C-alpha atoms as a PDB file:
ATOM      1  CA  MET A   1      99.628 -93.043  15.517  1.00  0.00           C
ATOM      2  CA  ALA A   2      95.964 -92.813  14.565  1.00  0.00           C
ATOM      3  CA  PHE A   3      94.630 -89.367  13.791  1.00  0.00           C
ATOM      4  CA  LYS A   4      92.868 -87.833  16.778  1.00  0.00           C
ATOM      5  CA  PRO A   5      90.136 -85.247  16.202  1.00  0.00           C
ATOM      6  CA  TRP A   6      90.677 -81.679  17.261  1.00  0.00           C
ATOM      7  CA  GLN A   7      89.361 -80.956  20.736  1.00  0.00           C
ATOM      8  CA  ILE A   8      87.804 -77.495  20.475  1.00  0.00           C
ATOM      9  CA  GLY A   9      86.727 -75.243  23.315  1.00  0.00           C
ATOM     10  CA  LEU A  10      84.314 -72.443  22.418  1.00  0.00           C
ATOM     11  CA  ASP A  11      83.764 -69.573  24.855  1.00  0.00           C
ATOM     12  CA  ILE A  12      81.067 -67.041  23.927  1.00  0.00           C
ATOM     13  CA  GLN A  13      80.892 -63.847  25.969  1.00  0.00           C
ATOM     14  CA  ASN A  14      79.468 -60.392  25.525  1.00  0.00           C
ATOM     15  CA  ARG A  15      81.690 -58.475  23.119  1.00  0.00           C
ATOM     16  CA  GLN A  16      83.773 -61.456  21.946  1.00  0.00           C
ATOM     17  CA  ILE A  17      83.968 -65.133  21.075  1.00  0.00           C
ATOM     18  CA  CYS A  18      87.099 -67.253  21.527  1.00  0.00           C
ATOM     19  CA  ALA A  19      87.907 -70.742  20.304  1.00  0.00           C
ATOM     20  CA  LEU A  20      90.914 -72.955  20.900  1.00  0.00           C
ATOM     21  CA  ALA A  21      91.638 -76.274  19.170  1.00  0.00           C
ATOM     22  CA  LEU A  22      94.058 -78.772  20.689  1.00  0.00           C
ATOM     23  CA  GLN A  23      95.269 -82.202  19.675  1.00  0.00           C
ATOM     24  CA  PRO A  24      96.809 -84.672  22.122  1.00  0.00           C
ATOM     25  CA  ARG A  25     100.240 -86.013  21.280  1.00  0.00           C
ATOM     26  CA  ARG A  26     102.327 -88.608  23.056  1.00  0.00           C
ATOM     27  CA  ASP A  27     104.448 -86.009  24.831  1.00  0.00           C
ATOM     28  CA  GLY A  28     102.010 -83.139  25.296  1.00  0.00           C
ATOM     29  CA  TRP A  29      99.293 -80.992  23.761  1.00  0.00           C
ATOM     30  CA  GLN A  30      99.608 -79.392  20.341  1.00  0.00           C
ATOM     31  CA  LEU A  31      97.896 -76.117  19.522  1.00  0.00           C
ATOM     32  CA  ARG A  32      96.168 -76.553  16.173  1.00  0.00           C
ATOM     33  CA  HIS A  33      94.064 -73.415  15.911  1.00  0.00           C
ATOM     34  CA  TRP A  34      92.876 -70.339  17.778  1.00  0.00           C
ATOM     35  CA  TRP A  35      90.211 -67.850  16.778  1.00  0.00           C
ATOM     36  CA  GLN A  36      88.827 -64.648  18.260  1.00  0.00           C
ATOM     37  CA  GLN A  37      86.048 -62.391  17.005  1.00  0.00           C
ATOM     38  CA  ARG A  38      84.338 -59.295  18.334  1.00  0.00           C
ATOM     39  CA  LEU A  39      80.585 -59.572  19.015  1.00  0.00           C
ATOM     40  CA  PRO A  40      77.738 -57.209  19.954  1.00  0.00           C
ATOM     41  CA  GLN A  41      77.458 -56.132  23.582  1.00  0.00           C
ATOM     42  CA  ASP A  42      74.111 -57.917  24.115  1.00  0.00           C
ATOM     43  CA  THR A  43      75.197 -61.330  22.816  1.00  0.00           C
ATOM     44  CA  LEU A  44      74.375 -62.721  26.275  1.00  0.00           C
ATOM     45  CA  ARG A  45      71.368 -61.620  28.269  1.00  0.00           C
ATOM     46  CA  ASN A  46      71.303 -63.001  31.799  1.00  0.00           C
ATOM     47  CA  GLY A  47      73.614 -65.725  30.536  1.00  0.00           C
ATOM     48  CA  VAL A  48      71.357 -66.775  27.653  1.00  0.00           C
ATOM     49  CA  LEU A  49      72.803 -66.661  24.132  1.00  0.00           C
ATOM     50  CA  GLN A  50      71.058 -64.249  21.747  1.00  0.00           C
ATOM     51  CA  SER A  51      71.344 -65.074  18.069  1.00  0.00           C
ATOM     52  CA  SER A  52      72.231 -62.200  15.746  1.00  0.00           C
ATOM     53  CA  PRO A  53      73.380 -61.724  12.141  1.00  0.00           C
ATOM     54  CA  GLU A  54      76.862 -60.868  13.452  1.00  0.00           C
ATOM     55  CA  LEU A  55      77.067 -64.056  15.528  1.00  0.00           C
ATOM     56  CA  LEU A  56      75.784 -66.273  12.708  1.00  0.00           C
ATOM     57  CA  ALA A  57      78.178 -64.735  10.189  1.00  0.00           C
ATOM     58  CA  ALA A  58      81.136 -65.225  12.539  1.00  0.00           C
ATOM     59  CA  LEU A  59      80.254 -68.842  13.355  1.00  0.00           C
ATOM     60  CA  THR A  60      79.586 -69.738   9.713  1.00  0.00           C
ATOM     61  CA  ALA A  61      82.917 -68.313   8.555  1.00  0.00           C
ATOM     62  CA  TRP A  62      84.725 -70.073  11.395  1.00  0.00           C
ATOM     63  CA  ARG A  63      83.153 -73.454  10.594  1.00  0.00           C
ATOM     64  CA  GLN A  64      84.728 -73.323   7.132  1.00  0.00           C
ATOM     65  CA  ARG A  65      88.182 -73.275   8.758  1.00  0.00           C
ATOM     66  CA  LEU A  66      87.638 -76.458  10.782  1.00  0.00           C
ATOM     67  CA  PRO A  67      88.391 -80.049   9.740  1.00  0.00           C
ATOM     68  CA  ARG A  68      85.651 -82.590   9.155  1.00  0.00           C
ATOM     69  CA  ARG A  69      86.271 -84.371  12.455  1.00  0.00           C
ATOM     70  CA  TYR A  70      86.293 -82.428  15.700  1.00  0.00           C
ATOM     71  CA  SER A  71      84.919 -82.519  19.233  1.00  0.00           C
ATOM     72  CA  LEU A  72      83.264 -79.204  20.102  1.00  0.00           C
ATOM     73  CA  ARG A  73      82.775 -78.265  23.764  1.00  0.00           C
ATOM     74  CA  VAL A  74      80.841 -75.058  24.530  1.00  0.00           C
ATOM     75  CA  GLY A  75      80.993 -73.084  27.763  1.00  0.00           C
ATOM     76  CA  LEU A  76      77.729 -72.462  29.605  1.00  0.00           C
ATOM     77  CA  PRO A  77      77.473 -69.765  32.314  1.00  0.00           C
ATOM     78  CA  ALA A  78      77.028 -71.297  35.749  1.00  0.00           C
ATOM     79  CA  GLN A  79      74.087 -68.982  36.507  1.00  0.00           C
ATOM     80  CA  LEU A  80      71.938 -70.970  34.071  1.00  0.00           C
ATOM     81  CA  VAL A  81      72.079 -74.249  35.960  1.00  0.00           C
ATOM     82  CA  LEU A  82      71.228 -75.860  39.270  1.00  0.00           C
ATOM     83  CA  GLN A  83      73.501 -78.392  40.955  1.00  0.00           C
ATOM     84  CA  ARG A  84      72.627 -80.888  43.646  1.00  0.00           C
ATOM     85  CA  GLN A  85      74.441 -83.719  45.400  1.00  0.00           C
ATOM     86  CA  LEU A  86      72.901 -87.197  45.108  1.00  0.00           C
ATOM     87  CA  PRO A  87      74.083 -90.181  47.170  1.00  0.00           C
ATOM     88  CA  LEU A  88      75.355 -93.111  45.167  1.00  0.00           C
ATOM     89  CA  PRO A  89      72.919 -96.046  45.047  1.00  0.00           C
ATOM     90  CA  ALA A  90      73.426 -98.773  47.637  1.00  0.00           C
ATOM     91  CA  HIS A  91      74.406-101.192  44.890  1.00  0.00           C
ATOM     92  CA  ALA A  92      76.798-100.135  42.135  1.00  0.00           C
ATOM     93  CA  LEU A  93      74.968 -99.405  38.882  1.00  0.00           C
ATOM     94  CA  LYS A  94      76.234 -99.224  35.322  1.00  0.00           C
ATOM     95  CA  GLU A  95      74.694 -97.355  32.431  1.00  0.00           C
ATOM     96  CA  PRO A  96      71.885 -97.097  31.536  1.00  0.00           C
ATOM     97  CA  ALA A  97      70.674 -98.061  35.022  1.00  0.00           C
ATOM     98  CA  LEU A  98      72.654 -95.226  36.648  1.00  0.00           C
ATOM     99  CA  GLY A  99      71.034 -92.730  34.289  1.00  0.00           C
ATOM    100  CA  HIS A 100      67.576 -94.038  35.213  1.00  0.00           C
ATOM    101  CA  TYR A 101      68.482 -93.625  38.892  1.00  0.00           C
ATOM    102  CA  VAL A 102      69.448 -89.972  38.364  1.00  0.00           C
ATOM    103  CA  GLN A 103      66.358 -89.301  36.228  1.00  0.00           C
ATOM    104  CA  ALA A 104      64.082 -90.671  38.941  1.00  0.00           C
ATOM    105  CA  ALA A 105      65.839 -88.611  41.629  1.00  0.00           C
ATOM    106  CA  ALA A 106      65.535 -85.414  39.567  1.00  0.00           C
ATOM    107  CA  ARG A 107      61.872 -85.085  40.533  1.00  0.00           C
ATOM    108  CA  ARG A 108      62.796 -84.356  44.146  1.00  0.00           C
ATOM    109  CA  LEU A 109      66.099 -82.586  43.462  1.00  0.00           C
ATOM    110  CA  PHE A 110      64.803 -79.867  41.135  1.00  0.00           C
ATOM    111  CA  PRO A 111      61.644 -77.731  40.966  1.00  0.00           C
ATOM    112  CA  LEU A 112      60.843 -78.602  37.331  1.00  0.00           C
ATOM    113  CA  GLU A 113      59.623 -81.775  35.679  1.00  0.00           C
ATOM    114  CA  PRO A 114      62.538 -83.946  34.468  1.00  0.00           C
ATOM    115  CA  ASP A 115      61.198 -83.791  30.904  1.00  0.00           C
ATOM    116  CA  ALA A 116      61.841 -80.032  30.913  1.00  0.00           C
ATOM    117  CA  LEU A 117      65.469 -80.437  32.018  1.00  0.00           C
ATOM    118  CA  ALA A 118      68.771 -81.387  30.465  1.00  0.00           C
ATOM    119  CA  LEU A 119      70.546 -83.489  33.087  1.00  0.00           C
ATOM    120  CA  ASP A 120      74.212 -84.313  33.500  1.00  0.00           C
ATOM    121  CA  TYR A 121      76.034 -86.001  36.351  1.00  0.00           C
ATOM    122  CA  ARG A 122      79.514 -86.980  37.447  1.00  0.00           C
ATOM    123  CA  HIS A 123      81.090 -88.646  40.445  1.00  0.00           C
ATOM    124  CA  ASP A 124      82.427 -86.129  42.966  1.00  0.00           C
ATOM    125  CA  ALA A 125      85.529 -87.683  44.492  1.00  0.00           C
ATOM    126  CA  HIS A 126      85.543 -85.259  47.417  1.00  0.00           C
ATOM    127  CA  SER A 127      81.977 -85.868  48.593  1.00  0.00           C
ATOM    128  CA  GLY A 128      81.725 -89.462  47.395  1.00  0.00           C
ATOM    129  CA  GLN A 129      78.384 -88.586  45.806  1.00  0.00           C
ATOM    130  CA  LEU A 130      77.025 -87.811  42.369  1.00  0.00           C
ATOM    131  CA  CYS A 131      77.026 -84.152  41.363  1.00  0.00           C
ATOM    132  CA  VAL A 132      73.864 -83.674  39.288  1.00  0.00           C
ATOM    133  CA  THR A 133      73.562 -80.621  37.029  1.00  0.00           C
ATOM    134  CA  ALA A 134      70.281 -79.487  35.504  1.00  0.00           C
ATOM    135  CA  ALA A 135      69.448 -76.790  32.960  1.00  0.00           C
ATOM    136  CA  ARG A 136      66.222 -75.936  31.214  1.00  0.00           C
ATOM    137  CA  LEU A 137      66.019 -77.662  27.844  1.00  0.00           C
ATOM    138  CA  GLU A 138      64.703 -74.477  26.255  1.00  0.00           C
ATOM    139  CA  ILE A 139      67.858 -72.616  27.313  1.00  0.00           C
ATOM    140  CA  ILE A 140      70.124 -75.357  25.951  1.00  0.00           C
ATOM    141  CA  ASP A 141      68.142 -75.281  22.710  1.00  0.00           C
ATOM    142  CA  GLN A 142      68.570 -71.506  22.520  1.00  0.00           C
ATOM    143  CA  TRP A 143      72.329 -71.876  22.941  1.00  0.00           C
ATOM    144  CA  ALA A 144      72.516 -74.662  20.370  1.00  0.00           C
ATOM    145  CA  ALA A 145      70.352 -72.998  17.684  1.00  0.00           C
ATOM    146  CA  PRO A 146      72.887 -70.557  16.152  1.00  0.00           C
ATOM    147  CA  LEU A 147      75.657 -73.162  16.365  1.00  0.00           C
ATOM    148  CA  LEU A 148      73.594 -75.713  14.452  1.00  0.00           C
ATOM    149  CA  GLN A 149      72.464 -73.068  11.976  1.00  0.00           C
ATOM    150  CA  ALA A 150      76.144 -72.320  11.255  1.00  0.00           C
ATOM    151  CA  GLY A 151      76.840 -76.011  10.592  1.00  0.00           C
ATOM    152  CA  LEU A 152      78.548 -76.687  13.930  1.00  0.00           C
ATOM    153  CA  LYS A 153      77.796 -79.747  16.044  1.00  0.00           C
ATOM    154  CA  PRO A 154      78.355 -79.127  19.764  1.00  0.00           C
ATOM    155  CA  GLN A 155      79.175 -82.343  21.590  1.00  0.00           C
ATOM    156  CA  VAL A 156      79.193 -80.995  25.143  1.00  0.00           C
ATOM    157  CA  PHE A 157      77.835 -77.978  26.989  1.00  0.00           C
ATOM    158  CA  GLU A 158      79.921 -77.549  30.139  1.00  0.00           C
ATOM    159  CA  LEU A 159      79.926 -75.017  32.954  1.00  0.00           C
ATOM    160  CA  THR A 160      82.578 -72.348  32.582  1.00  0.00           C
ATOM    161  CA  SER A 161      83.492 -72.868  36.244  1.00  0.00           C
ATOM    162  CA  GLU A 162      84.262 -76.529  35.517  1.00  0.00           C
ATOM    163  CA  ALA A 163      86.417 -75.456  32.567  1.00  0.00           C
ATOM    164  CA  LEU A 164      88.440 -73.176  34.824  1.00  0.00           C
ATOM    165  CA  LYS A 165      88.795 -75.933  37.416  1.00  0.00           C
ATOM    166  CA  ARG A 166      90.254 -78.224  34.767  1.00  0.00           C
ATOM    167  CA  LEU A 167      92.681 -75.483  33.769  1.00  0.00           C
ATOM    168  CA  ALA A 168      93.751 -75.108  37.403  1.00  0.00           C
ATOM    169  CA  GLN A 169      94.264 -78.868  37.646  1.00  0.00           C
ATOM    170  CA  GLN A 170      96.401 -78.916  34.520  1.00  0.00           C
ATOM    171  CA  ALA A 171      98.448 -75.976  35.827  1.00  0.00           C
ATOM    172  CA  ALA A 172      99.292 -77.866  39.061  1.00  0.00           C
ATOM    173  CA  LEU A 173      99.001 -74.670  41.073  1.00  0.00           C
ATOM    174  CA  GLY A 174     100.283 -76.060  44.352  1.00  0.00           C
ATOM    175  CA  SER A 175      98.898 -75.915  47.864  1.00  0.00           C
ATOM    176  CA  GLY A 176      97.247 -72.648  48.860  1.00  0.00           C
ATOM    177  CA  ALA A 177      97.041 -71.261  45.309  1.00  0.00           C
ATOM    178  CA  VAL A 178      93.893 -70.105  43.522  1.00  0.00           C
ATOM    179  CA  LEU A 179      93.500 -69.372  39.828  1.00  0.00           C
ATOM    180  CA  VAL A 180      91.386 -66.225  39.379  1.00  0.00           C
ATOM    181  CA  LEU A 181      89.830 -65.221  36.067  1.00  0.00           C
ATOM    182  CA  GLN A 182      88.455 -61.709  35.693  1.00  0.00           C
ATOM    183  CA  GLN A 183      85.747 -61.169  33.108  1.00  0.00           C
ATOM    184  CA  GLU A 184      83.526 -58.277  32.150  1.00  0.00           C
ATOM    185  CA  SER A 185      80.615 -60.036  33.868  1.00  0.00           C
ATOM    186  CA  GLY A 186      82.440 -60.849  37.122  1.00  0.00           C
ATOM    187  CA  TRP A 187      84.876 -63.437  38.446  1.00  0.00           C
ATOM    188  CA  ILE A 188      85.514 -67.174  38.303  1.00  0.00           C
ATOM    189  CA  TRP A 189      88.062 -68.905  40.524  1.00  0.00           C
ATOM    190  CA  SER A 190      89.321 -72.394  41.283  1.00  0.00           C
ATOM    191  CA  ASP A 191      91.935 -74.100  43.422  1.00  0.00           C
ATOM    192  CA  GLY A 192      91.838 -77.219  41.243  1.00  0.00           C
ATOM    193  CA  HIS A 193      89.431 -79.023  43.588  1.00  0.00           C
ATOM    194  CA  THR A 194      86.414 -76.721  43.570  1.00  0.00           C
ATOM    195  CA  ALA A 195      85.315 -73.809  41.411  1.00  0.00           C
ATOM    196  CA  ALA A 196      82.825 -70.982  41.742  1.00  0.00           C
ATOM    197  CA  GLY A 197      81.993 -67.569  40.359  1.00  0.00           C
ATOM    198  CA  VAL A 198      80.148 -64.336  40.980  1.00  0.00           C
ATOM    199  CA  THR A 199      78.502 -61.990  38.500  1.00  0.00           C
ATOM    200  CA  GLU A 200      78.553 -58.934  40.770  1.00  0.00           C
ATOM    201  CA  SER A 201      81.059 -56.131  40.388  1.00  0.00           C
ATOM    202  CA  ILE A 202      83.452 -56.304  43.349  1.00  0.00           C
ATOM    203  CA  THR A 203      87.154 -55.740  43.803  1.00  0.00           C
ATOM    204  CA  LEU A 204      89.665 -58.572  43.880  1.00  0.00           C
ATOM    205  CA  ALA A 205      90.448 -57.780  47.508  1.00  0.00           C
ATOM    206  CA  ALA A 206      86.771 -58.074  48.442  1.00  0.00           C
ATOM    207  CA  LEU A 207      86.451 -61.274  46.460  1.00  0.00           C
ATOM    208  CA  GLN A 208      89.445 -62.823  48.195  1.00  0.00           C
ATOM    209  CA  GLN A 209      88.157 -61.923  51.645  1.00  0.00           C
ATOM    210  CA  GLN A 210      84.713 -63.286  50.797  1.00  0.00           C
ATOM    211  CA  ALA A 211      85.570 -66.456  48.876  1.00  0.00           C
ATOM    212  CA  PHE A 212      89.126 -67.656  49.620  1.00  0.00           C
ATOM    213  CA  PRO A 213      90.618 -65.747  52.574  1.00  0.00           C
ATOM    214  CA  GLN A 214      93.179 -68.476  53.370  1.00  0.00           C
ATOM    215  CA  THR A 215      94.797 -68.346  49.949  1.00  0.00           C
ATOM    216  CA  THR A 216      98.559 -67.795  49.958  1.00  0.00           C
ATOM    217  CA  THR A 217      99.068 -67.382  46.196  1.00  0.00           C
ATOM    218  CA  LEU A 218      96.853 -65.679  43.629  1.00  0.00           C
ATOM    219  CA  VAL A 219      97.372 -66.880  40.060  1.00  0.00           C
ATOM    220  CA  TRP A 220      95.985 -64.178  37.798  1.00  0.00           C
ATOM    221  CA  CYS A 221      94.326 -64.581  34.419  1.00  0.00           C
ATOM    222  CA  ALA A 222      92.434 -61.609  33.008  1.00  0.00           C
ATOM    223  CA  SER A 223      89.881 -61.429  30.220  1.00  0.00           C
ATOM    224  CA  PRO A 224      89.687 -58.787  28.869  1.00  0.00           C
ATOM    225  CA  GLN A 225      93.104 -57.278  29.520  1.00  0.00           C
ATOM    226  CA  ALA A 226      93.313 -55.778  33.007  1.00  0.00           C
ATOM    227  CA  THR A 227      96.029 -54.609  35.359  1.00  0.00           C
ATOM    228  CA  ARG A 228      97.518 -57.553  37.224  1.00  0.00           C
ATOM    229  CA  PRO A 229      97.661 -57.154  41.013  1.00  0.00           C
ATOM    230  CA  ALA A 230     101.189 -56.662  42.301  1.00  0.00           C
ATOM    231  CA  ASP A 231     100.999 -59.628  44.687  1.00  0.00           C
ATOM    232  CA  SER A 232      99.776 -62.141  42.096  1.00  0.00           C
ATOM    233  CA  ARG A 233     101.427 -64.540  39.663  1.00  0.00           C
ATOM    234  CA  ALA A 234     100.637 -64.230  35.962  1.00  0.00           C
ATOM    235  CA  PHE A 235      99.231 -67.241  34.128  1.00  0.00           C
ATOM    236  CA  SER A 236      98.686 -68.035  30.456  1.00  0.00           C
ATOM    237  CA  PRO A 237      96.767 -71.116  29.280  1.00  0.00           C
ATOM    238  CA  PHE A 238      99.259 -71.406  26.439  1.00  0.00           C
ATOM    239  CA  ASP A 239     101.952 -72.249  29.008  1.00  0.00           C
ATOM    240  CA  LEU A 240     100.308 -75.688  29.313  1.00  0.00           C
ATOM    241  CA  LEU A 241     100.868 -76.529  25.651  1.00  0.00           C
ATOM    242  CA  ARG A 242     104.012 -78.331  24.520  1.00  0.00           C
ATOM    243  CA  PHE A 243     103.701 -77.434  20.850  1.00  0.00           C
ATOM    244  CA  THR A 244     102.725 -73.955  19.658  1.00  0.00           C
ATOM    245  CA  GLN A 245     103.738 -71.659  16.857  1.00  0.00           C
ATOM    246  CA  PRO A 246     103.308 -67.923  16.282  1.00  0.00           C
ATOM    247  CA  PRO A 247     101.331 -65.846  15.984  1.00  0.00           C
ATOM    248  CA  LEU A 248      99.700 -66.266  19.397  1.00  0.00           C
ATOM    249  CA  PRO A 249      96.967 -64.021  20.848  1.00  0.00           C
ATOM    250  CA  GLU A 250      97.935 -60.662  22.298  1.00  0.00           C
ATOM    251  CA  ASN A 251      95.915 -61.386  25.431  1.00  0.00           C
ATOM    252  CA  PRO A 252      96.203 -65.096  26.306  1.00  0.00           C
ATOM    253  CA  GLY A 253      93.797 -64.710  29.230  1.00  0.00           C
ATOM    254  CA  ASP A 254      90.919 -64.344  26.776  1.00  0.00           C
ATOM    255  CA  PHE A 255      91.383 -68.049  25.983  1.00  0.00           C
ATOM    256  CA  ALA A 256      91.389 -69.410  29.534  1.00  0.00           C
ATOM    257  CA  LEU A 257      87.894 -70.908  29.397  1.00  0.00           C
ATOM    258  CA  ALA A 258      88.277 -72.102  25.804  1.00  0.00           C
ATOM    259  CA  ALA A 259      91.467 -73.904  26.862  1.00  0.00           C
ATOM    260  CA  GLY A 260      89.756 -75.528  29.855  1.00  0.00           C
ATOM    261  CA  LEU A 261      86.952 -76.729  27.592  1.00  0.00           C
ATOM    262  CA  ALA A 262      89.365 -78.084  24.985  1.00  0.00           C
ATOM    263  CA  LEU A 263      91.286 -80.021  27.655  1.00  0.00           C
ATOM    264  CA  ARG A 264      88.190 -81.961  28.669  1.00  0.00           C
ATOM    265  CA  ALA A 265      88.844 -85.671  28.159  1.00  0.00           C
ATOM    266  CA  GLY A 266      86.614 -88.530  27.159  1.00  0.00           C
ATOM    267  CA  ASP A 267      84.316 -86.926  24.625  1.00  0.00           C
ATOM    268  CA  CYS A 268      85.878 -88.010  21.341  1.00  0.00           C
END
């Protein structure tokens, strides 16, 4: 079987950075590498990455442990982007014509000039439309700068909410179940079909009543370590991997978003 590059998810938060490298095999996913490092409290400001000597030193040392070939996917906080639905064109288009169609529509979808935006789009099976995501180029450049300076080449910047949705899909939660991830900055949740998050400090009970009151099963994943609610089911992203070997992280929930990023297909 031909060698397949490592698929690496990189999740940068205040206080810590987590990376997870996976490799697809015929009968499941193999864990190739995990890495966790403490970071300064102000590494993110309003979701924007702040370069620092500590961050650069950590990234540079980590790069030396990676193989030559890899696919690096980096999580981007959802608060930094705008998303809009765009109807599919009347006649099916292939690339690059579809990209031109989205670029032209961006002028009326978003309040900034298209030249100032980084655009991405995907087909939303539920709405039958294109889901168009836009972020300021200057913010993407600010996120990319320390990675490039450390010798890393990010292939994809993806919303952390989308990473959690992919994790929920892989976990096959079942009807009525929601995967909930607690972070220092708030909550992200997904039922495998949709995903969302809040950055405000509220209780899990308030979140459930506000966002998913019909849920019958809470699947709990905490980062950092927190007390699991008594009526929830524990979840570890490492449960999805067929091949692992010790040592594994003390708190697997820290790697939930990194795992969802690493599981993204089609970028190698």
